[in-house]
Amino acid sequence: LAAIEVKNSPHIHPQDLRGLKTFKEDYPQAQCFLLYRGRDRIMRQGIHCIPCAEFLRDLHPKRMIGD
């Protein structure tokens, strides 16, 4: 189970994580991803924050998200 949210911003703000944090409370087994226009791959409050270009480049139909 995975939740993905996309933001059109080069920076991550605390309010950007609100929806995914709420989802994670209801589904703690889920992996949560915030895609954004920044350059750094970071973890914030249990949410994987990944540059959108990197996420799309690494996306593969035979591989699970997050692997």
PDB file of N, CA and C in Angstrom:
ATOM      1  N   LEU A   1       0.855  -1.174   0.000  1.00  0.00           N
ATOM      2  CA  LEU A   1       0.000   0.000   0.000  1.00  0.00           C
ATOM      3  C   LEU A   1       0.901   1.237   0.000  1.00  0.00           C
ATOM      4  N   ALA A   2       0.636   2.149  -0.906  1.00  0.00           N
ATOM      5  CA  ALA A   2       1.437   3.369  -1.021  1.00  0.00           C
ATOM      6  C   ALA A   2       0.530   4.563  -1.287  1.00  0.00           C
ATOM      7  N   ALA A   3       0.916   5.697  -0.736  1.00  0.00           N
ATOM      8  CA  ALA A   3       0.227   6.963  -1.005  1.00  0.00           C
ATOM      9  C   ALA A   3       1.263   7.902  -1.609  1.00  0.00           C
ATOM     10  N   ILE A   4       0.863   8.574  -2.675  1.00  0.00           N
ATOM     11  CA  ILE A   4       1.768   9.490  -3.369  1.00  0.00           C
ATOM     12  C   ILE A   4       1.077  10.834  -3.520  1.00  0.00           C
ATOM     13  N   GLU A   5       1.782  11.883  -3.120  1.00  0.00           N
ATOM     14  CA  GLU A   5       1.285  13.241  -3.309  1.00  0.00           C
ATOM     15  C   GLU A   5       2.351  14.022  -4.063  1.00  0.00           C
ATOM     16  N   VAL A   6       1.927  14.892  -4.963  1.00  0.00           N
ATOM     17  CA  VAL A   6       2.854  15.664  -5.787  1.00  0.00           C
ATOM     18  C   VAL A   6       2.652  17.147  -5.497  1.00  0.00           C
ATOM     19  N   LYS A   7       3.764  17.845  -5.268  1.00  0.00           N
ATOM     20  CA  LYS A   7       3.734  19.288  -5.025  1.00  0.00           C
ATOM     21  C   LYS A   7       4.576  19.990  -6.081  1.00  0.00           C
ATOM     22  N   ASN A   8       4.062  21.102  -6.581  1.00  0.00           N
ATOM     23  CA  ASN A   8       4.773  21.897  -7.575  1.00  0.00           C
ATOM     24  C   ASN A   8       5.590  22.976  -6.860  1.00  0.00           C
ATOM     25  N   SER A   9       6.562  22.517  -6.075  1.00  0.00           N
ATOM     26  CA  SER A   9       7.381  23.437  -5.299  1.00  0.00           C
ATOM     27  C   SER A   9       8.782  22.851  -5.150  1.00  0.00           C
ATOM     28  N   PRO A  10       9.796  23.711  -5.143  1.00  0.00           N
ATOM     29  CA  PRO A  10      11.159  23.219  -4.930  1.00  0.00           C
ATOM     30  C   PRO A  10      11.482  23.016  -3.441  1.00  0.00           C
ATOM     31  N   HIS A  11      10.563  23.377  -2.559  1.00  0.00           N
ATOM     32  CA  HIS A  11      10.775  23.271  -1.116  1.00  0.00           C
ATOM     33  C   HIS A  11       9.610  22.518  -0.475  1.00  0.00           C
ATOM     34  N   ILE A  12       9.901  21.871   0.646  1.00  0.00           N
ATOM     35  CA  ILE A  12       8.872  21.162   1.392  1.00  0.00           C
ATOM     36  C   ILE A  12       8.539  21.988   2.628  1.00  0.00           C
ATOM     37  N   HIS A  13       7.267  22.275   2.798  1.00  0.00           N
ATOM     38  CA  HIS A  13       6.785  23.036   3.945  1.00  0.00           C
ATOM     39  C   HIS A  13       6.007  22.091   4.862  1.00  0.00           C
ATOM     40  N   PRO A  14       5.967  22.361   6.152  1.00  0.00           N
ATOM     41  CA  PRO A  14       5.257  21.466   7.074  1.00  0.00           C
ATOM     42  C   PRO A  14       3.814  21.165   6.657  1.00  0.00           C
ATOM     43  N   GLN A  15       3.111  22.149   6.135  1.00  0.00           N
ATOM     44  CA  GLN A  15       1.723  21.925   5.724  1.00  0.00           C
ATOM     45  C   GLN A  15       1.622  20.986   4.521  1.00  0.00           C
ATOM     46  N   ASP A  16       2.701  20.818   3.763  1.00  0.00           N
ATOM     47  CA  ASP A  16       2.708  19.904   2.621  1.00  0.00           C
ATOM     48  C   ASP A  16       2.580  18.444   3.068  1.00  0.00           C
ATOM     49  N   LEU A  17       2.974  18.168   4.291  1.00  0.00           N
ATOM     50  CA  LEU A  17       2.970  16.796   4.794  1.00  0.00           C
ATOM     51  C   LEU A  17       1.653  16.412   5.475  1.00  0.00           C
ATOM     52  N   ARG A  18       0.777  17.363   5.685  1.00  0.00           N
ATOM     53  CA  ARG A  18      -0.441  17.149   6.474  1.00  0.00           C
ATOM     54  C   ARG A  18      -1.303  16.001   5.952  1.00  0.00           C
ATOM     55  N   GLY A  19      -1.593  15.990   4.675  1.00  0.00           N
ATOM     56  CA  GLY A  19      -2.457  14.952   4.106  1.00  0.00           C
ATOM     57  C   GLY A  19      -1.858  13.559   4.222  1.00  0.00           C
ATOM     58  N   LEU A  20      -0.569  13.441   3.934  1.00  0.00           N
ATOM     59  CA  LEU A  20       0.084  12.137   4.017  1.00  0.00           C
ATOM     60  C   LEU A  20       0.220  11.671   5.469  1.00  0.00           C
ATOM     61  N   LYS A  21       0.436  12.592   6.405  1.00  0.00           N
ATOM     62  CA  LYS A  21       0.497  12.222   7.819  1.00  0.00           C
ATOM     63  C   LYS A  21      -0.851  11.668   8.283  1.00  0.00           C
ATOM     64  N   THR A  22      -1.930  12.293   7.855  1.00  0.00           N
ATOM     65  CA  THR A  22      -3.265  11.811   8.201  1.00  0.00           C
ATOM     66  C   THR A  22      -3.509  10.431   7.601  1.00  0.00           C
ATOM     67  N   PHE A  23      -3.118  10.245   6.356  1.00  0.00           N
ATOM     68  CA  PHE A  23      -3.255   8.939   5.702  1.00  0.00           C
ATOM     69  C   PHE A  23      -2.472   7.886   6.471  1.00  0.00           C
ATOM     70  N   LYS A  24      -1.255   8.223   6.883  1.00  0.00           N
ATOM     71  CA  LYS A  24      -0.384   7.288   7.608  1.00  0.00           C
ATOM     72  C   LYS A  24      -0.995   6.892   8.956  1.00  0.00           C
ATOM     73  N   GLU A  25      -1.723   7.796   9.594  1.00  0.00           N
ATOM     74  CA  GLU A  25      -2.404   7.462  10.851  1.00  0.00           C
ATOM     75  C   GLU A  25      -3.468   6.385  10.626  1.00  0.00           C
ATOM     76  N   ASP A  26      -4.194   6.494   9.529  1.00  0.00           N
ATOM     77  CA  ASP A  26      -5.248   5.522   9.218  1.00  0.00           C
ATOM     78  C   ASP A  26      -4.690   4.217   8.653  1.00  0.00           C
ATOM     79  N   TYR A  27      -3.566   4.303   7.954  1.00  0.00           N
ATOM     80  CA  TYR A  27      -2.947   3.141   7.306  1.00  0.00           C
ATOM     81  C   TYR A  27      -1.454   3.114   7.647  1.00  0.00           C
ATOM     82  N   PRO A  28      -1.116   2.715   8.871  1.00  0.00           N
ATOM     83  CA  PRO A  28       0.292   2.771   9.295  1.00  0.00           C
ATOM     84  C   PRO A  28       1.230   1.879   8.486  1.00  0.00           C
ATOM     85  N   GLN A  29       0.691   0.882   7.807  1.00  0.00           N
ATOM     86  CA  GLN A  29       1.538  -0.004   7.002  1.00  0.00           C
ATOM     87  C   GLN A  29       1.901   0.622   5.648  1.00  0.00           C
ATOM     88  N   ALA A  30       1.263   1.712   5.300  1.00  0.00           N
ATOM     89  CA  ALA A  30       1.489   2.341   3.995  1.00  0.00           C
ATOM     90  C   ALA A  30       2.839   3.053   3.933  1.00  0.00           C
ATOM     91  N   GLN A  31       3.431   3.030   2.751  1.00  0.00           N
ATOM     92  CA  GLN A  31       4.595   3.865   2.469  1.00  0.00           C
ATOM     93  C   GLN A  31       4.061   5.151   1.856  1.00  0.00           C
ATOM     94  N   CYS A  32       4.513   6.271   2.363  1.00  0.00           N
ATOM     95  CA  CYS A  32       4.033   7.559   1.875  1.00  0.00           C
ATOM     96  C   CYS A  32       5.166   8.305   1.174  1.00  0.00           C
ATOM     97  N   PHE A  33       4.821   8.881   0.019  1.00  0.00           N
ATOM     98  CA  PHE A  33       5.799   9.586  -0.805  1.00  0.00           C
ATOM     99  C   PHE A  33       5.270  10.970  -1.148  1.00  0.00           C
ATOM    100  N   LEU A  34       6.120  11.956  -0.977  1.00  0.00           N
ATOM    101  CA  LEU A  34       5.827  13.309  -1.420  1.00  0.00           C
ATOM    102  C   LEU A  34       6.813  13.615  -2.539  1.00  0.00           C
ATOM    103  N   LEU A  35       6.310  13.829  -3.727  1.00  0.00           N
ATOM    104  CA  LEU A  35       7.160  14.176  -4.869  1.00  0.00           C
ATOM    105  C   LEU A  35       7.144  15.691  -5.008  1.00  0.00           C
ATOM    106  N   TYR A  36       8.316  16.265  -5.251  1.00  0.00           N
ATOM    107  CA  TYR A  36       8.419  17.718  -5.356  1.00  0.00           C
ATOM    108  C   TYR A  36       9.523  18.084  -6.341  1.00  0.00           C
ATOM    109  N   ARG A  37       9.653  19.371  -6.652  1.00  0.00           N
ATOM    110  CA  ARG A  37      10.623  19.815  -7.650  1.00  0.00           C
ATOM    111  C   ARG A  37      12.018  20.070  -7.105  1.00  0.00           C
ATOM    112  N   GLY A  38      12.259  19.713  -5.863  1.00  0.00           N
ATOM    113  CA  GLY A  38      13.577  19.928  -5.257  1.00  0.00           C
ATOM    114  C   GLY A  38      14.608  18.951  -5.776  1.00  0.00           C
ATOM    115  N   ARG A  39      15.779  18.964  -5.152  1.00  0.00           N
ATOM    116  CA  ARG A  39      16.893  18.117  -5.596  1.00  0.00           C
ATOM    117  C   ARG A  39      17.258  17.022  -4.599  1.00  0.00           C
ATOM    118  N   ASP A  40      16.837  17.185  -3.349  1.00  0.00           N
ATOM    119  CA  ASP A  40      17.285  16.273  -2.296  1.00  0.00           C
ATOM    120  C   ASP A  40      16.237  15.217  -1.973  1.00  0.00           C
ATOM    121  N   ARG A  41      16.738  14.017  -1.740  1.00  0.00           N
ATOM    122  CA  ARG A  41      15.887  12.906  -1.297  1.00  0.00           C
ATOM    123  C   ARG A  41      15.999  12.865   0.225  1.00  0.00           C
ATOM    124  N   ILE A  42      14.875  13.115   0.910  1.00  0.00           N
ATOM    125  CA  ILE A  42      14.912  13.195   2.367  1.00  0.00           C
ATOM    126  C   ILE A  42      13.713  12.457   2.965  1.00  0.00           C
ATOM    127  N   MET A  43      13.802  12.204   4.269  1.00  0.00           N
ATOM    128  CA  MET A  43      12.707  11.597   5.012  1.00  0.00           C
ATOM    129  C   MET A  43      12.227  12.633   6.024  1.00  0.00           C
ATOM    130  N   ARG A  44      10.933  12.940   5.986  1.00  0.00           N
ATOM    131  CA  ARG A  44      10.352  13.885   6.932  1.00  0.00           C
ATOM    132  C   ARG A  44       9.138  13.238   7.577  1.00  0.00           C
ATOM    133  N   GLN A  45       9.198  13.070   8.876  1.00  0.00           N
ATOM    134  CA  GLN A  45       8.081  12.541   9.651  1.00  0.00           C
ATOM    135  C   GLN A  45       7.555  11.224   9.074  1.00  0.00           C
ATOM    136  N   GLY A  46       8.462  10.355   8.669  1.00  0.00           N
ATOM    137  CA  GLY A  46       8.080   9.055   8.133  1.00  0.00           C
ATOM    138  C   GLY A  46       7.621   9.077   6.686  1.00  0.00           C
ATOM    139  N   ILE A  47       7.782  10.218   6.020  1.00  0.00           N
ATOM    140  CA  ILE A  47       7.358  10.382   4.625  1.00  0.00           C
ATOM    141  C   ILE A  47       8.597  10.541   3.750  1.00  0.00           C
ATOM    142  N   HIS A  48       8.664   9.743   2.698  1.00  0.00           N
ATOM    143  CA  HIS A  48       9.770   9.824   1.743  1.00  0.00           C
ATOM    144  C   HIS A  48       9.520  11.030   0.831  1.00  0.00           C
ATOM    145  N   CYS A  49      10.395  11.988   0.866  1.00  0.00           N
ATOM    146  CA  CYS A  49      10.295  13.175   0.009  1.00  0.00           C
ATOM    147  C   CYS A  49      11.341  13.013  -1.088  1.00  0.00           C
ATOM    148  N   ILE A  50      10.861  12.901  -2.314  1.00  0.00           N
ATOM    149  CA  ILE A  50      11.722  12.537  -3.436  1.00  0.00           C
ATOM    150  C   ILE A  50      11.519  13.532  -4.581  1.00  0.00           C
ATOM    151  N   PRO A  51      12.607  13.975  -5.210  1.00  0.00           N
ATOM    152  CA  PRO A  51      12.443  14.810  -6.403  1.00  0.00           C
ATOM    153  C   PRO A  51      11.615  14.056  -7.456  1.00  0.00           C
ATOM    154  N   CYS A  52      10.652  14.731  -8.015  1.00  0.00           N
ATOM    155  CA  CYS A  52       9.738  14.107  -8.972  1.00  0.00           C
ATOM    156  C   CYS A  52      10.487  13.485 -10.150  1.00  0.00           C
ATOM    157  N   ALA A  53      11.463  14.189 -10.677  1.00  0.00           N
ATOM    158  CA  ALA A  53      12.219  13.673 -11.829  1.00  0.00           C
ATOM    159  C   ALA A  53      12.924  12.370 -11.479  1.00  0.00           C
ATOM    160  N   GLU A  54      13.492  12.288 -10.275  1.00  0.00           N
ATOM    161  CA  GLU A  54      14.172  11.066  -9.838  1.00  0.00           C
ATOM    162  C   GLU A  54      13.169   9.916  -9.689  1.00  0.00           C
ATOM    163  N   PHE A  55      12.026  10.202  -9.085  1.00  0.00           N
ATOM    164  CA  PHE A  55      10.994   9.179  -8.904  1.00  0.00           C
ATOM    165  C   PHE A  55      10.538   8.618 -10.251  1.00  0.00           C
ATOM    166  N   LEU A  56      10.262   9.495 -11.190  1.00  0.00           N
ATOM    167  CA  LEU A  56       9.791   9.049 -12.504  1.00  0.00           C
ATOM    168  C   LEU A  56      10.884   8.300 -13.271  1.00  0.00           C
ATOM    169  N   ARG A  57      12.113   8.747 -13.147  1.00  0.00           N
ATOM    170  CA  ARG A  57      13.230   8.078 -13.819  1.00  0.00           C
ATOM    171  C   ARG A  57      13.394   6.646 -13.316  1.00  0.00           C
ATOM    172  N   ASP A  58      13.202   6.443 -12.014  1.00  0.00           N
ATOM    173  CA  ASP A  58      13.408   5.134 -11.410  1.00  0.00           C
ATOM    174  C   ASP A  58      12.163   4.244 -11.438  1.00  0.00           C
ATOM    175  N   LEU A  59      11.048   4.769 -11.889  1.00  0.00           N
ATOM    176  CA  LEU A  59       9.809   3.996 -11.935  1.00  0.00           C
ATOM    177  C   LEU A  59       9.931   2.882 -12.975  1.00  0.00           C
ATOM    178  N   HIS A  60       9.550   1.671 -12.574  1.00  0.00           N
ATOM    179  CA  HIS A  60       9.678   0.527 -13.456  1.00  0.00           C
ATOM    180  C   HIS A  60       8.476  -0.387 -13.235  1.00  0.00           C
ATOM    181  N   PRO A  61       7.843  -0.890 -14.297  1.00  0.00           N
ATOM    182  CA  PRO A  61       6.626  -1.690 -14.134  1.00  0.00           C
ATOM    183  C   PRO A  61       6.810  -2.998 -13.376  1.00  0.00           C
ATOM    184  N   LYS A  62       8.011  -3.512 -13.285  1.00  0.00           N
ATOM    185  CA  LYS A  62       8.233  -4.787 -12.602  1.00  0.00           C
ATOM    186  C   LYS A  62       8.818  -4.616 -11.205  1.00  0.00           C
ATOM    187  N   ARG A  63       8.889  -3.375 -10.708  1.00  0.00           N
ATOM    188  CA  ARG A  63       9.465  -3.126  -9.403  1.00  0.00           C
ATOM    189  C   ARG A  63       8.455  -2.341  -8.560  1.00  0.00           C
ATOM    190  N   MET A  64       8.320  -2.712  -7.299  1.00  0.00           N
ATOM    191  CA  MET A  64       7.400  -2.040  -6.402  1.00  0.00           C
ATOM    192  C   MET A  64       7.929  -0.644  -6.062  1.00  0.00           C
ATOM    193  N   ILE A  65       7.036   0.263  -5.809  1.00  0.00           N
ATOM    194  CA  ILE A  65       7.412   1.611  -5.390  1.00  0.00           C
ATOM    195  C   ILE A  65       8.118   1.504  -4.046  1.00  0.00           C
ATOM    196  N   GLY A  66       9.232   2.184  -3.909  1.00  0.00           N
ATOM    197  CA  GLY A  66       9.984   2.181  -2.669  1.00  0.00           C
ATOM    198  C   GLY A  66      11.093   1.141  -2.623  1.00  0.00           C
ATOM    199  N   ASP A  67      11.151   0.237  -3.594  1.00  0.00           N
ATOM    200  CA  ASP A  67      12.211  -0.779  -3.634  1.00  0.00           C
ATOM    201  C   ASP A  67      13.463  -0.227  -4.285  1.00  0.00           C
TER     202      ASP A  67
END
